Amino acid sequence: MANLEYESNPILEKLPKHLKQYIKPQNYEDYTVIDQAVWRYVMRKNVDYLSKVAHQSYLEGLQKTGISIDNIPNMYGMNRILKEIGWAAVAVDGFIPPSAFMEFQAYNVLVIASDIRQLENIEYTPAPDIIHEGAGHAPIIANPEYAEYLRRFGEIGCKAISSAKDYELYEAVRHLSIIKEAEGTPKKDIEKAEKHIEYLQEHMGEPSEMALIRNLHWWTVEYGLIGTVDNPKIYGAGLLSSIGESAWCMTDDVKKIAYGLEAAKTAFDITKPQPQLFVTPNFAHLSQVLEDFANTMALRTGGLKGVRKLVKSKALGTIELSTGLQISGVFDNIIAHDGKPLYLRTFGPTALSYREKELVGHSTDHHKEGFGSPVGKLKGINLAIEDMGPRDLKAYKIFEGERVDLEFEGGVKVSGEIITGTRNLKGEIVLITLKDCRVTHDDTILFLPEWGLYHMAVGEKVTSAFNGPADLNSFDLIGHELTETTTKSKKNQERRLLEQYYQQVRDYRETTNTTISRTKVFQEISEKFPDDWLLSIELYELARATNEANLSEAILKHLEAVKQRKPKLGHLIDDGLQLVNDSPVVKS
């Protein structure tokens, strides 16, 4: 199946349009036979090692999700199987914005970067790839407790408020991941990109909610350990998919810390191995820490602090008032009084909603230039407007056809003729519309009669502030443009020849062509590609399975020479040979 047919899983039909814009075809035929060999090596090595150190859900999940050791997973097949456990998968182009990534999770959708790491980066790559996503994330979601944690994390995480610096860091990390996987990138360019990330990380200032919750994501979903500090098991996808770090993390060189809320304040560096890891006693504990963190977010605390977070983010966000009225837009100015927001204002397109549904007549078309409104109680009146019954409203002349002069605590004055009031399901007034209206604060003019009708939000308090719009249909969110996309290296004649040799060996192993001379293939690659080690290991596997002692000996001698020339490849070669020696032949 060449293209991703995401219709194969009904879960994906529920995705909003703004998330579907990130989905791309998997284009399975783009995977080369060398890519398949990389997948096979990593998976064989991982399954062999992780069977001893990973949480039991990992191996169980491999079976449940149908992920093959010998072949890169096909998205169509994965979706068909994931449907049985209530999940789905989509292919994307490398890193996508954190809020979008988490929102996919909220819909029970696993985001999979469909590219695969180069053979040169077989141990670890900062770029998300199908080994990381397919072999790391997918198996663990077969565990129901963990799957619910992942969904809930996405639901809460996509509401976290970011800062402008967060997006700058995201772009820098994406850039590094692209150039590091692009063939022929000069070392100085990679070092420059890494130093830029280091600089940004050191100058982030006070971390935003998104930065903090990304830390939690990193230390659990990506690099989490489970069990006890003295005897942990691996469940984080970053560790499960890294044949280097999965072994290193189990040594005493990596400090193990009991997982708790403090992990949110522990930053990470994507360019380096992690110096410490957090250990959760069980998956249920992850959910408890997540809820504890959510209790600190503006999503649940609201107030002046929450409003200021949205102003600082300079991004589309929503403020919810105590009446349930939701104001969605880019907030640019607030007037505060006595530690409370007194007047809220957005600039540019704004929409008003109630319970995530846009109010009729209050779309971005109606509020193109922005929206402003006082918040709080009227001066000298202990009863908030939202708590006033019909008699109270009439007594204070807050009534259709009445001309009013409303002064709020803190000095905002609203003078005009009331046209109508909009009520919520409880019968509370959430919005009052006035004509011939003038709004001031001290000597500052906030609204003039000639500007049209004035819509005054009703709410004593700001109860919530969060990223994104209340009603997803209120804004055109389909404007995502990648500043940089992953690059495919152009194949030269030499690369095509190497792929032909890999294909011949694969065909022989899969018995689709058993007429090739493996001795001849070995002689040719050892002469023409003396530093390629992976195909020699595959040839050694076949030679050993058929008891060809002379060929086995020649290959071992060649690989020893490769190790002498390229010492950094030594442990990869040794690990591959050990796999073969421990298991004479693995048929697909």
Protein backbone atom coordinates (compact mmCIF):
# COMPACT_ATOMS: atom_id res chain seq x y z
CA MET A 1 0.00 0.00 0.00
CA ALA A 2 1.89 3.04 -1.24
CA ASN A 3 -0.17 5.79 0.33
CA LEU A 4 -1.57 6.12 3.81
CA GLU A 5 -5.25 5.23 3.65
CA TYR A 6 -6.22 6.67 6.98
CA GLU A 7 -9.88 5.96 6.22
CA SER A 8 -9.05 2.39 7.24
CA ASN A 9 -9.40 3.40 10.87
CA PRO A 10 -12.61 5.22 11.90
CA ILE A 11 -10.78 6.95 14.76
CA LEU A 12 -9.03 9.08 12.17
CA GLU A 13 -12.31 10.24 10.71
CA LYS A 14 -12.95 12.13 13.95
CA LEU A 15 -9.78 14.20 13.60
CA PRO A 16 -10.41 17.93 13.07
CA LYS A 17 -9.23 19.41 9.79
CA HIS A 18 -6.40 21.39 11.35
CA LEU A 19 -4.74 18.14 12.48
CA LYS A 20 -5.26 16.38 9.17
CA GLN A 21 -3.09 19.03 7.51
CA TYR A 22 -0.02 17.43 9.14
CA ILE A 23 -0.72 13.94 7.77
CA LYS A 24 1.31 12.84 4.79
CA PRO A 25 1.45 9.62 2.76
CA GLN A 26 3.86 7.02 4.06
CA ASN A 27 5.06 6.15 0.52
CA TYR A 28 6.22 2.70 1.53
CA GLU A 29 8.03 2.15 -1.74
CA ASP A 30 10.48 4.93 -0.79
CA TYR A 31 12.10 2.67 1.82
CA THR A 32 15.25 1.19 0.37
CA VAL A 33 16.48 -2.32 1.03
CA ILE A 34 19.20 -0.72 3.21
CA ASP A 35 16.46 0.98 5.24
CA GLN A 36 14.85 -2.43 5.72
CA ALA A 37 18.19 -3.85 6.87
CA VAL A 38 18.59 -1.01 9.38
CA TRP A 39 15.09 -1.71 10.74
CA ARG A 40 15.82 -5.43 10.99
CA TYR A 41 19.13 -4.95 12.79
CA VAL A 42 17.72 -2.48 15.33
CA MET A 43 14.62 -4.57 15.98
CA ARG A 44 16.54 -7.83 16.39
CA LYS A 45 19.00 -6.14 18.71
CA ASN A 46 16.28 -4.37 20.66
CA VAL A 47 14.02 -7.39 21.09
CA ASP A 48 16.95 -9.50 22.19
CA TYR A 49 18.12 -6.95 24.76
CA LEU A 50 14.79 -5.42 25.74
CA SER A 51 13.28 -8.81 26.52
CA LYS A 52 15.50 -8.61 29.62
CA VAL A 53 15.16 -4.93 30.60
CA ALA A 54 11.89 -3.57 29.15
CA HIS A 55 8.49 -3.54 30.84
CA GLN A 56 6.57 -6.69 29.97
CA SER A 57 4.08 -4.59 27.99
CA TYR A 58 6.74 -4.01 25.33
CA LEU A 59 7.02 -7.56 24.01
CA GLU A 60 3.30 -8.15 24.49
CA GLY A 61 2.62 -4.94 22.58
CA LEU A 62 4.83 -5.94 19.66
CA GLN A 63 2.59 -8.96 19.15
CA LYS A 64 -0.67 -7.05 19.67
CA THR A 65 0.27 -4.24 17.29
CA GLY A 66 1.60 -6.62 14.65
CA ILE A 67 4.98 -4.93 14.35
CA SER A 68 7.38 -7.18 12.46
CA ILE A 69 11.03 -7.61 13.32
CA ASP A 70 12.00 -8.17 9.68
CA ASN A 71 10.03 -5.46 7.87
CA ILE A 72 9.33 -1.77 8.37
CA PRO A 73 5.67 -1.53 9.38
CA ASN A 74 3.13 -0.48 6.80
CA MET A 75 0.81 2.25 8.11
CA TYR A 76 -2.22 0.63 6.52
CA GLY A 77 -1.56 -2.62 8.35
CA MET A 78 -0.78 -0.83 11.61
CA ASN A 79 -4.07 1.05 11.49
CA ARG A 80 -6.00 -2.12 10.87
CA ILE A 81 -4.47 -3.71 13.98
CA LEU A 82 -4.38 -0.61 16.22
CA LYS A 83 -8.11 -0.23 15.65
CA GLU A 84 -8.59 -3.29 17.85
CA ILE A 85 -7.10 -1.47 20.85
CA GLY A 86 -8.88 1.81 20.16
CA TRP A 87 -5.98 3.66 18.56
CA ALA A 88 -4.80 4.77 15.14
CA ALA A 89 -1.58 5.94 13.51
CA VAL A 90 -0.68 8.62 10.98
CA ALA A 91 2.51 9.48 9.14
CA VAL A 92 3.97 13.00 9.43
CA ASP A 93 7.06 14.84 8.25
CA GLY A 94 9.47 14.76 11.20
CA PHE A 95 8.79 17.05 14.16
CA ILE A 96 5.43 18.80 14.29
CA PRO A 97 4.52 21.58 16.78
CA PRO A 98 4.22 20.18 20.34
CA SER A 99 0.60 21.30 20.79
CA ALA A 100 -0.44 19.50 17.58
CA PHE A 101 1.52 16.39 18.58
CA MET A 102 -0.31 16.28 21.91
CA GLU A 103 -3.68 17.00 20.37
CA PHE A 104 -3.25 13.94 18.14
CA GLN A 105 -2.70 11.91 21.32
CA ALA A 106 -5.93 13.33 22.77
CA TYR A 107 -7.74 11.73 19.83
CA ASN A 108 -6.00 8.35 20.44
CA VAL A 109 -3.81 8.85 17.39
CA LEU A 110 -0.15 7.89 17.34
CA VAL A 111 1.97 10.28 15.27
CA ILE A 112 4.68 8.44 13.34
CA ALA A 113 7.50 10.17 11.49
CA SER A 114 7.70 7.87 8.50
CA ASP A 115 11.34 8.53 7.63
CA ILE A 116 13.97 6.13 8.92
CA ARG A 117 17.42 6.95 10.26
CA GLN A 118 20.48 6.50 8.09
CA LEU A 119 22.76 3.53 8.66
CA GLU A 120 25.34 6.02 9.97
CA ASN A 121 22.93 7.02 12.77
CA ILE A 122 21.69 3.52 13.53
CA GLU A 123 22.19 3.84 17.31
CA TYR A 124 20.47 7.15 17.90
CA THR A 125 19.12 10.13 16.00
CA PRO A 126 17.52 13.35 17.32
CA ALA A 127 15.10 13.12 14.41
CA PRO A 128 11.84 11.31 15.06
CA ASP A 129 11.73 8.29 12.78
CA ILE A 130 9.70 5.14 12.25
CA ILE A 131 12.01 3.13 14.50
CA HIS A 132 11.43 5.57 17.34
CA GLU A 133 7.69 5.88 16.79
CA GLY A 134 6.74 2.46 15.44
CA ALA A 135 9.07 0.32 17.54
CA GLY A 136 9.10 2.61 20.59
CA HIS A 137 5.68 4.18 21.10
CA ALA A 138 3.32 1.74 19.42
CA PRO A 139 3.98 -1.43 21.47
CA ILE A 140 3.49 0.24 24.86
CA ILE A 141 0.06 1.70 24.02
CA ALA A 142 -1.27 -1.85 24.00
CA ASN A 143 -1.18 -1.48 27.80
CA PRO A 144 -4.62 0.04 28.67
CA GLU A 145 -3.43 2.03 31.72
CA TYR A 146 -0.56 3.57 29.77
CA ALA A 147 -2.73 4.23 26.72
CA GLU A 148 -5.17 6.21 28.86
CA TYR A 149 -2.26 8.19 30.34
CA LEU A 150 -1.08 9.03 26.84
CA ARG A 151 -4.57 10.13 25.76
CA ARG A 152 -5.09 12.22 28.88
CA PHE A 153 -1.63 13.74 28.52
CA GLY A 154 -2.53 14.88 25.02
CA GLU A 155 -5.84 16.29 26.18
CA ILE A 156 -4.20 18.39 28.89
CA GLY A 157 -0.95 19.09 27.06
CA CYS A 158 -2.57 20.67 24.00
CA LYS A 159 -4.14 23.26 26.32
CA ALA A 160 -0.76 24.28 27.79
CA ILE A 161 0.21 27.87 27.02
CA SER A 162 3.45 28.35 25.08
CA SER A 163 5.82 31.27 24.71
CA ALA A 164 7.31 32.72 21.56
CA LYS A 165 10.66 31.22 22.61
CA ASP A 166 9.13 27.74 22.71
CA TYR A 167 8.37 27.94 19.02
CA GLU A 168 11.87 29.24 18.27
CA LEU A 169 13.34 26.26 20.09
CA TYR A 170 11.00 23.88 18.26
CA GLU A 171 12.18 25.26 14.91
CA ALA A 172 15.83 24.92 15.98
CA VAL A 173 15.39 21.30 17.08
CA ARG A 174 13.53 20.48 13.87
CA HIS A 175 16.35 22.07 11.84
CA LEU A 176 18.99 20.00 13.66
CA SER A 177 17.03 16.79 13.18
CA ILE A 178 16.76 17.45 9.43
CA ILE A 179 20.38 18.34 8.73
CA LYS A 180 21.71 15.53 10.95
CA GLU A 181 19.81 12.96 8.89
CA ALA A 182 20.61 14.64 5.56
CA GLU A 183 23.47 12.91 3.80
CA GLY A 184 26.62 14.98 3.43
CA THR A 185 25.81 17.76 5.93
CA PRO A 186 29.14 19.35 6.98
CA LYS A 187 30.09 18.67 10.60
CA LYS A 188 30.45 22.41 11.25
CA ASP A 189 26.79 22.96 10.27
CA ILE A 190 25.64 20.31 12.73
CA GLU A 191 27.82 21.76 15.50
CA LYS A 192 26.48 25.25 14.75
CA ALA A 193 22.88 23.98 15.01
CA GLU A 194 23.64 22.19 18.29
CA LYS A 195 25.23 25.32 19.76
CA HIS A 196 22.21 27.37 18.71
CA ILE A 197 19.94 24.95 20.58
CA GLU A 198 22.20 25.15 23.63
CA TYR A 199 22.04 28.95 23.49
CA LEU A 200 18.24 28.96 23.23
CA GLN A 201 17.93 26.48 26.08
CA GLU A 202 20.11 28.65 28.30
CA HIS A 203 18.11 31.80 27.51
CA MET A 204 14.51 30.58 27.68
CA GLY A 205 13.72 32.64 30.77
CA GLU A 206 10.90 31.45 32.98
CA PRO A 207 9.62 28.22 31.44
CA SER A 208 6.13 28.29 29.95
CA GLU A 209 3.47 25.71 30.69
CA MET A 210 4.29 24.00 27.41
CA ALA A 211 7.97 23.84 28.32
CA LEU A 212 7.14 22.29 31.70
CA ILE A 213 4.70 19.73 30.36
CA ARG A 214 7.14 18.83 27.59
CA ASN A 215 9.61 18.02 30.34
CA LEU A 216 7.05 15.64 31.85
CA HIS A 217 6.49 14.13 28.41
CA TRP A 218 10.20 13.66 27.90
CA TRP A 219 10.85 12.00 31.27
CA THR A 220 7.89 9.64 30.91
CA VAL A 221 6.70 8.95 27.35
CA GLU A 222 10.18 9.33 25.82
CA TYR A 223 12.69 8.44 28.53
CA GLY A 224 10.67 6.83 31.31
CA LEU A 225 11.67 3.93 33.53
CA ILE A 226 9.22 1.90 35.62
CA GLY A 227 9.61 -0.21 38.74
CA THR A 228 12.00 0.68 41.52
CA VAL A 229 15.06 2.93 41.51
CA ASP A 230 17.22 -0.13 42.21
CA ASN A 231 15.53 -2.37 39.64
CA PRO A 232 13.92 -0.32 36.87
CA LYS A 233 12.48 -1.47 33.55
CA ILE A 234 12.27 0.57 30.33
CA TYR A 235 9.01 1.88 28.87
CA GLY A 236 10.00 5.25 27.28
CA ALA A 237 10.01 5.21 23.47
CA GLY A 238 13.29 7.10 23.20
CA LEU A 239 15.03 4.35 25.15
CA LEU A 240 13.14 1.49 23.52
CA SER A 241 14.21 2.69 20.07
CA SER A 242 17.84 3.53 20.86
CA ILE A 243 20.13 0.49 20.91
CA GLY A 244 22.84 2.66 22.44
CA GLU A 245 20.93 4.45 25.18
CA SER A 246 18.77 1.48 26.17
CA ALA A 247 21.93 -0.27 27.35
CA TRP A 248 23.68 2.81 28.75
CA CYS A 249 20.67 3.90 30.79
CA MET A 250 20.85 0.70 32.83
CA THR A 251 24.38 1.43 34.05
CA ASP A 252 25.28 3.26 37.25
CA ASP A 253 26.49 6.19 35.12
CA VAL A 254 22.85 7.28 34.77
CA LYS A 255 21.27 8.51 38.00
CA LYS A 256 17.82 7.05 38.75
CA ILE A 257 15.31 9.32 40.54
CA ALA A 258 11.82 8.52 41.83
CA TYR A 259 9.33 10.18 39.47
CA GLY A 260 7.30 13.09 40.78
CA LEU A 261 6.17 16.61 39.96
CA GLU A 262 9.75 17.93 40.18
CA ALA A 263 10.41 16.27 36.81
CA ALA A 264 8.47 19.16 35.21
CA LYS A 265 11.27 21.51 36.27
CA THR A 266 14.04 19.22 35.01
CA ALA A 267 15.05 20.36 31.54
CA PHE A 268 16.47 17.99 28.92
CA ASP A 269 18.95 18.32 26.08
CA ILE A 270 17.88 16.46 22.96
CA THR A 271 21.41 16.55 21.55
CA LYS A 272 23.03 14.53 24.37
CA PRO A 273 22.47 11.28 26.28
CA GLN A 274 20.46 11.87 29.45
CA PRO A 275 22.46 12.15 32.72
CA GLN A 276 19.50 11.11 34.87
CA LEU A 277 16.21 9.31 34.42
CA PHE A 278 12.99 9.14 36.43
CA VAL A 279 11.42 5.91 37.65
CA THR A 280 7.66 5.60 38.17
CA PRO A 281 6.42 2.76 40.41
CA ASN A 282 3.54 2.03 37.99
CA PHE A 283 1.63 3.57 35.11
CA ALA A 284 -1.18 4.79 37.40
CA HIS A 285 1.36 7.03 39.18
CA LEU A 286 2.03 8.81 35.87
CA SER A 287 -1.60 9.87 35.70
CA GLN A 288 -1.54 11.14 39.29
CA VAL A 289 1.50 13.35 38.62
CA LEU A 290 -0.13 14.61 35.43
CA GLU A 291 -3.25 15.66 37.34
CA ASP A 292 -1.09 17.35 39.99
CA PHE A 293 0.63 19.32 37.24
CA ALA A 294 -2.67 20.18 35.54
CA ASN A 295 -3.80 21.70 38.83
CA THR A 296 -0.99 24.29 38.45
CA MET A 297 -1.97 25.23 34.88
CA ALA A 298 -3.96 28.30 33.90
CA LEU A 299 -6.43 25.83 32.43
CA ARG A 300 -7.57 25.19 36.00
CA THR A 301 -6.37 28.22 37.94
CA GLY A 302 -7.36 31.08 35.59
CA GLY A 303 -6.99 34.45 37.32
CA LEU A 304 -4.67 37.32 36.48
CA LYS A 305 -1.69 35.02 36.21
CA GLY A 306 -3.45 32.91 33.59
CA VAL A 307 -4.42 35.94 31.53
CA ARG A 308 -0.86 37.24 31.63
CA LYS A 309 0.42 33.88 30.37
CA LEU A 310 -1.82 34.23 27.33
CA VAL A 311 -0.69 37.81 26.71
CA LYS A 312 2.94 36.70 26.88
CA SER A 313 2.33 33.81 24.48
CA LYS A 314 1.24 36.19 21.69
CA ALA A 315 -0.76 33.28 20.30
CA LEU A 316 -4.39 32.29 19.90
CA GLY A 317 -5.83 31.35 23.27
CA THR A 318 -9.04 31.27 25.27
CA ILE A 319 -10.21 32.83 28.52
CA GLU A 320 -13.22 31.36 30.27
CA LEU A 321 -15.26 33.42 32.72
CA SER A 322 -17.19 32.18 35.75
CA THR A 323 -20.42 32.24 33.70
CA GLY A 324 -18.89 29.79 31.20
CA LEU A 325 -18.51 32.44 28.50
CA GLN A 326 -15.35 31.80 26.51
CA ILE A 327 -13.39 34.52 24.68
CA SER A 328 -10.98 33.21 22.03
CA GLY A 329 -8.40 35.41 20.34
CA VAL A 330 -4.93 36.89 20.76
CA PHE A 331 -4.88 38.80 24.04
CA ASP A 332 -2.81 41.95 23.98
CA ASN A 333 -3.82 44.14 26.89
CA ILE A 334 -5.22 43.78 30.37
CA ILE A 335 -6.04 46.25 33.09
CA ALA A 336 -5.50 44.79 36.53
CA HIS A 337 -6.80 45.88 39.91
CA ASP A 338 -5.99 44.45 43.32
CA GLY A 339 -4.36 41.33 41.86
CA LYS A 340 -7.32 40.59 39.59
CA PRO A 341 -7.99 41.19 35.89
CA LEU A 342 -10.31 44.18 35.49
CA TYR A 343 -10.47 44.59 31.72
CA LEU A 344 -9.58 42.06 28.99
CA ARG A 345 -8.85 42.87 25.39
CA THR A 346 -7.94 40.98 22.26
CA PHE A 347 -6.75 42.28 18.92
CA GLY A 348 -7.65 40.78 15.57
CA PRO A 349 -10.29 38.12 14.92
CA THR A 350 -12.07 37.00 18.10
CA ALA A 351 -14.92 34.57 18.77
CA LEU A 352 -17.21 34.08 21.76
CA SER A 353 -18.35 30.63 22.81
CA TYR A 354 -20.16 28.75 25.54
CA ARG A 355 -19.16 25.17 26.38
CA GLU A 356 -16.86 24.97 23.33
CA LYS A 357 -19.66 26.01 20.97
CA GLU A 358 -19.55 29.39 19.25
CA LEU A 359 -22.37 31.78 20.16
CA VAL A 360 -24.59 32.72 17.23
CA GLY A 361 -23.69 36.21 16.06
CA HIS A 362 -20.29 36.24 17.76
CA SER A 363 -17.93 34.71 15.21
CA THR A 364 -14.65 36.19 14.01
CA ASP A 365 -16.66 37.93 11.28
CA HIS A 366 -18.54 39.84 13.99
CA HIS A 367 -15.41 40.60 16.00
CA LYS A 368 -12.81 41.16 13.27
CA GLU A 369 -10.90 43.91 15.07
CA GLY A 370 -10.92 42.40 18.54
CA PHE A 371 -12.99 42.32 21.70
CA GLY A 372 -12.83 44.04 25.09
CA SER A 373 -14.79 43.69 28.29
CA PRO A 374 -14.63 44.39 32.02
CA VAL A 375 -14.47 41.49 34.50
CA GLY A 376 -15.57 41.47 38.12
CA LYS A 377 -18.21 42.99 40.34
CA LEU A 378 -19.91 46.35 40.17
CA LYS A 379 -18.61 48.91 42.63
CA GLY A 380 -20.52 48.96 45.93
CA ILE A 381 -22.67 45.95 45.02
CA ASN A 382 -21.73 42.69 46.69
CA LEU A 383 -23.82 40.58 44.31
CA ALA A 384 -22.15 39.72 40.98
CA ILE A 385 -24.24 40.37 37.85
CA GLU A 386 -24.29 36.65 37.02
CA ASP A 387 -25.81 35.90 40.44
CA MET A 388 -28.60 38.47 40.12
CA GLY A 389 -32.13 37.20 39.70
CA PRO A 390 -34.75 39.03 37.59
CA ARG A 391 -35.77 41.31 40.49
CA ASP A 392 -32.14 42.21 41.25
CA LEU A 393 -31.45 43.03 37.61
CA LYS A 394 -34.54 45.23 37.43
CA ALA A 395 -33.59 46.99 40.67
CA TYR A 396 -30.17 47.85 39.28
CA LYS A 397 -31.71 48.79 35.88
CA ILE A 398 -29.77 46.06 34.11
CA PHE A 399 -32.70 45.52 31.83
CA GLU A 400 -33.56 45.76 28.13
CA GLY A 401 -34.30 49.37 27.09
CA GLU A 402 -32.70 50.92 30.17
CA ARG A 403 -29.86 53.40 29.95
CA VAL A 404 -27.22 52.43 32.50
CA ASP A 405 -24.03 53.74 34.02
CA LEU A 406 -22.20 50.70 35.33
CA GLU A 407 -19.02 51.26 37.34
CA PHE A 408 -16.91 48.21 38.12
CA GLU A 409 -14.53 47.73 41.03
CA GLY A 410 -11.26 49.22 39.83
CA GLY A 411 -12.82 52.08 37.88
CA VAL A 412 -14.01 50.74 34.52
CA LYS A 413 -17.23 52.55 33.54
CA VAL A 414 -19.75 51.31 30.97
CA SER A 415 -22.45 53.82 29.90
CA GLY A 416 -25.05 53.02 27.29
CA GLU A 417 -28.50 51.65 26.47
CA ILE A 418 -29.05 47.93 27.00
CA ILE A 419 -30.48 46.20 23.95
CA THR A 420 -30.50 42.59 25.06
CA GLY A 421 -28.85 39.94 27.19
CA THR A 422 -27.61 36.49 26.22
CA ARG A 423 -28.14 33.74 28.79
CA ASN A 424 -26.49 30.37 29.35
CA LEU A 425 -28.29 27.09 30.01
CA LYS A 426 -28.57 27.90 33.70
CA GLY A 427 -30.40 31.10 32.89
CA GLU A 428 -27.45 33.29 33.87
CA ILE A 429 -26.66 36.33 31.76
CA VAL A 430 -23.31 35.79 30.02
CA LEU A 431 -23.35 38.73 27.63
CA ILE A 432 -25.02 42.16 27.61
CA THR A 433 -25.32 44.10 24.35
CA LEU A 434 -25.50 47.91 24.47
CA LYS A 435 -25.87 50.69 21.93
CA ASP A 436 -24.66 54.28 22.13
CA CYS A 437 -22.05 52.95 24.55
CA ARG A 438 -18.96 54.54 26.01
CA VAL A 439 -16.42 52.55 28.05
CA THR A 440 -13.61 54.23 29.99
CA HIS A 441 -11.05 53.53 32.66
CA ASP A 442 -9.92 56.72 34.39
CA ASP A 443 -8.90 58.93 31.45
CA THR A 444 -8.46 56.04 29.00
CA ILE A 445 -11.16 55.53 26.36
CA LEU A 446 -11.82 51.84 25.76
CA PHE A 447 -14.91 52.06 23.55
CA LEU A 448 -16.87 54.86 21.82
CA PRO A 449 -20.50 54.95 20.59
CA GLU A 450 -19.48 55.44 16.95
CA TRP A 451 -17.70 52.07 16.99
CA GLY A 452 -21.07 50.26 16.90
CA LEU A 453 -22.73 47.90 19.35
CA TYR A 454 -20.83 47.04 22.51
CA HIS A 455 -20.95 43.46 23.75
CA MET A 456 -20.05 43.25 27.42
CA ALA A 457 -19.02 39.87 28.75
CA VAL A 458 -20.46 38.96 32.12
CA GLY A 459 -18.28 37.16 34.63
CA GLU A 460 -17.00 37.83 38.11
CA LYS A 461 -13.80 35.82 37.61
CA VAL A 462 -11.50 34.35 35.00
CA THR A 463 -11.73 30.65 35.83
CA SER A 464 -9.60 29.27 33.02
CA ALA A 465 -7.04 30.30 30.40
CA PHE A 466 -5.68 27.91 27.81
CA ASN A 467 -4.02 27.53 24.43
CA GLY A 468 -6.13 27.45 21.29
CA PRO A 469 -9.76 28.34 20.52
CA ALA A 470 -12.78 27.15 22.50
CA ASP A 471 -14.59 26.09 19.32
CA LEU A 472 -12.20 24.64 16.73
CA ASN A 473 -14.56 25.76 13.97
CA SER A 474 -14.31 29.42 14.93
CA PHE A 475 -10.90 29.96 13.34
CA ASP A 476 -9.16 28.88 10.16
CA LEU A 477 -6.40 26.75 11.65
CA ILE A 478 -5.31 25.25 8.35
CA GLY A 479 -2.35 27.47 7.73
CA HIS A 480 0.50 25.23 8.82
CA GLU A 481 3.62 25.72 6.73
CA LEU A 482 6.89 23.98 7.46
CA THR A 483 9.84 26.33 7.20
CA GLU A 484 12.01 23.33 6.38
CA THR A 485 11.21 19.78 5.31
CA THR A 486 13.12 16.54 5.61
CA THR A 487 15.44 15.92 2.70
CA LYS A 488 15.94 12.76 0.68
CA SER A 489 19.47 12.15 -0.49
CA LYS A 490 19.95 11.70 -4.21
CA LYS A 491 21.25 8.26 -5.10
CA ASN A 492 24.47 8.04 -7.02
CA GLN A 493 25.58 5.02 -9.05
CA GLU A 494 27.63 3.70 -6.13
CA ARG A 495 24.64 3.79 -3.78
CA ARG A 496 22.44 2.02 -6.32
CA LEU A 497 25.02 -0.74 -6.65
CA LEU A 498 25.22 -1.20 -2.88
CA GLU A 499 21.42 -1.44 -2.72
CA GLN A 500 21.53 -4.16 -5.41
CA TYR A 501 23.80 -6.25 -3.19
CA TYR A 502 21.53 -5.74 -0.19
CA GLN A 503 18.54 -6.75 -2.33
CA GLN A 504 20.25 -9.94 -3.50
CA VAL A 505 20.97 -10.98 0.07
CA ARG A 506 17.44 -10.15 1.19
CA ASP A 507 15.96 -12.11 -1.72
CA TYR A 508 18.11 -15.11 -0.79
CA ARG A 509 17.10 -14.95 2.88
CA GLU A 510 13.43 -14.71 1.93
CA THR A 511 13.88 -17.56 -0.59
CA THR A 512 12.60 -15.48 -3.50
CA ASN A 513 15.93 -16.02 -5.29
CA THR A 514 18.29 -18.73 -4.03
CA THR A 515 20.50 -18.81 -7.13
CA ILE A 516 22.82 -15.94 -6.18
CA SER A 517 26.37 -16.66 -5.14
CA ARG A 518 26.77 -15.25 -1.64
CA THR A 519 30.52 -15.78 -1.85
CA LYS A 520 30.65 -13.60 -4.95
CA VAL A 521 28.48 -10.92 -3.30
CA PHE A 522 30.79 -10.89 -0.28
CA GLN A 523 33.91 -10.60 -2.43
CA GLU A 524 32.45 -7.70 -4.37
CA ILE A 525 31.20 -5.69 -1.40
CA SER A 526 34.44 -6.22 0.55
CA GLU A 527 36.32 -4.77 -2.44
CA LYS A 528 33.90 -2.03 -3.53
CA PHE A 529 32.41 -1.13 -0.12
CA PRO A 530 35.09 -2.08 2.40
CA ASP A 531 33.51 -0.13 5.29
CA ASP A 532 29.96 -1.42 4.93
CA TRP A 533 29.50 -3.78 7.87
CA LEU A 534 25.77 -4.50 8.04
CA LEU A 535 25.50 -6.52 4.83
CA SER A 536 28.53 -8.59 5.87
CA ILE A 537 26.72 -9.51 9.09
CA GLU A 538 23.66 -10.57 7.09
CA LEU A 539 25.92 -12.70 4.85
CA TYR A 540 27.55 -14.19 7.95
CA GLU A 541 24.10 -15.10 9.27
CA LEU A 542 23.29 -17.00 6.06
CA ALA A 543 26.72 -18.66 5.88
CA ARG A 544 26.53 -19.86 9.45
CA ALA A 545 22.98 -21.19 8.94
CA THR A 546 24.18 -23.31 6.01
CA ASN A 547 27.44 -24.38 7.71
CA GLU A 548 29.70 -22.69 5.15
CA ALA A 549 32.78 -22.49 7.37
CA ASN A 550 35.16 -20.94 4.82
CA LEU A 551 32.77 -18.10 3.94
CA SER A 552 31.99 -17.53 7.64
CA GLU A 553 35.68 -17.29 8.45
CA ALA A 554 36.37 -14.89 5.57
CA ILE A 555 33.52 -12.61 6.67
CA LEU A 556 34.70 -12.59 10.30
CA LYS A 557 38.21 -11.66 9.14
CA HIS A 558 36.80 -8.83 7.00
CA LEU A 559 34.68 -7.49 9.85
CA GLU A 560 37.70 -7.51 12.15
CA ALA A 561 39.50 -5.34 9.61
CA VAL A 562 36.52 -2.95 9.51
CA LYS A 563 36.68 -2.68 13.32
CA GLN A 564 40.38 -1.80 13.13
CA ARG A 565 39.72 0.94 10.59
CA LYS A 566 36.49 2.17 12.23
CA PRO A 567 36.73 1.55 15.99
CA LYS A 568 33.37 3.28 16.63
CA LEU A 569 31.65 0.51 14.67
CA GLY A 570 33.19 -2.18 16.85
CA HIS A 571 30.35 -2.69 19.30
CA LEU A 572 27.72 -2.59 16.53
CA ILE A 573 29.56 -5.33 14.66
CA ASP A 574 30.09 -7.37 17.83
CA ASP A 575 26.43 -7.04 18.79
CA GLY A 576 25.34 -8.15 15.32
CA LEU A 577 27.62 -11.17 15.38
CA GLN A 578 26.44 -12.10 18.86
CA LEU A 579 22.84 -12.02 17.66
CA VAL A 580 23.72 -14.42 14.87
CA ASN A 581 25.73 -16.72 17.11
CA ASP A 582 22.99 -16.87 19.74
CA SER A 583 20.30 -17.55 17.12
CA PRO A 584 21.59 -19.49 14.11
CA VAL A 585 19.00 -18.17 11.65
CA VAL A 586 15.96 -15.92 11.85
CA LYS A 587 13.55 -16.48 8.97
CA SER A 588 11.08 -13.77 8.00
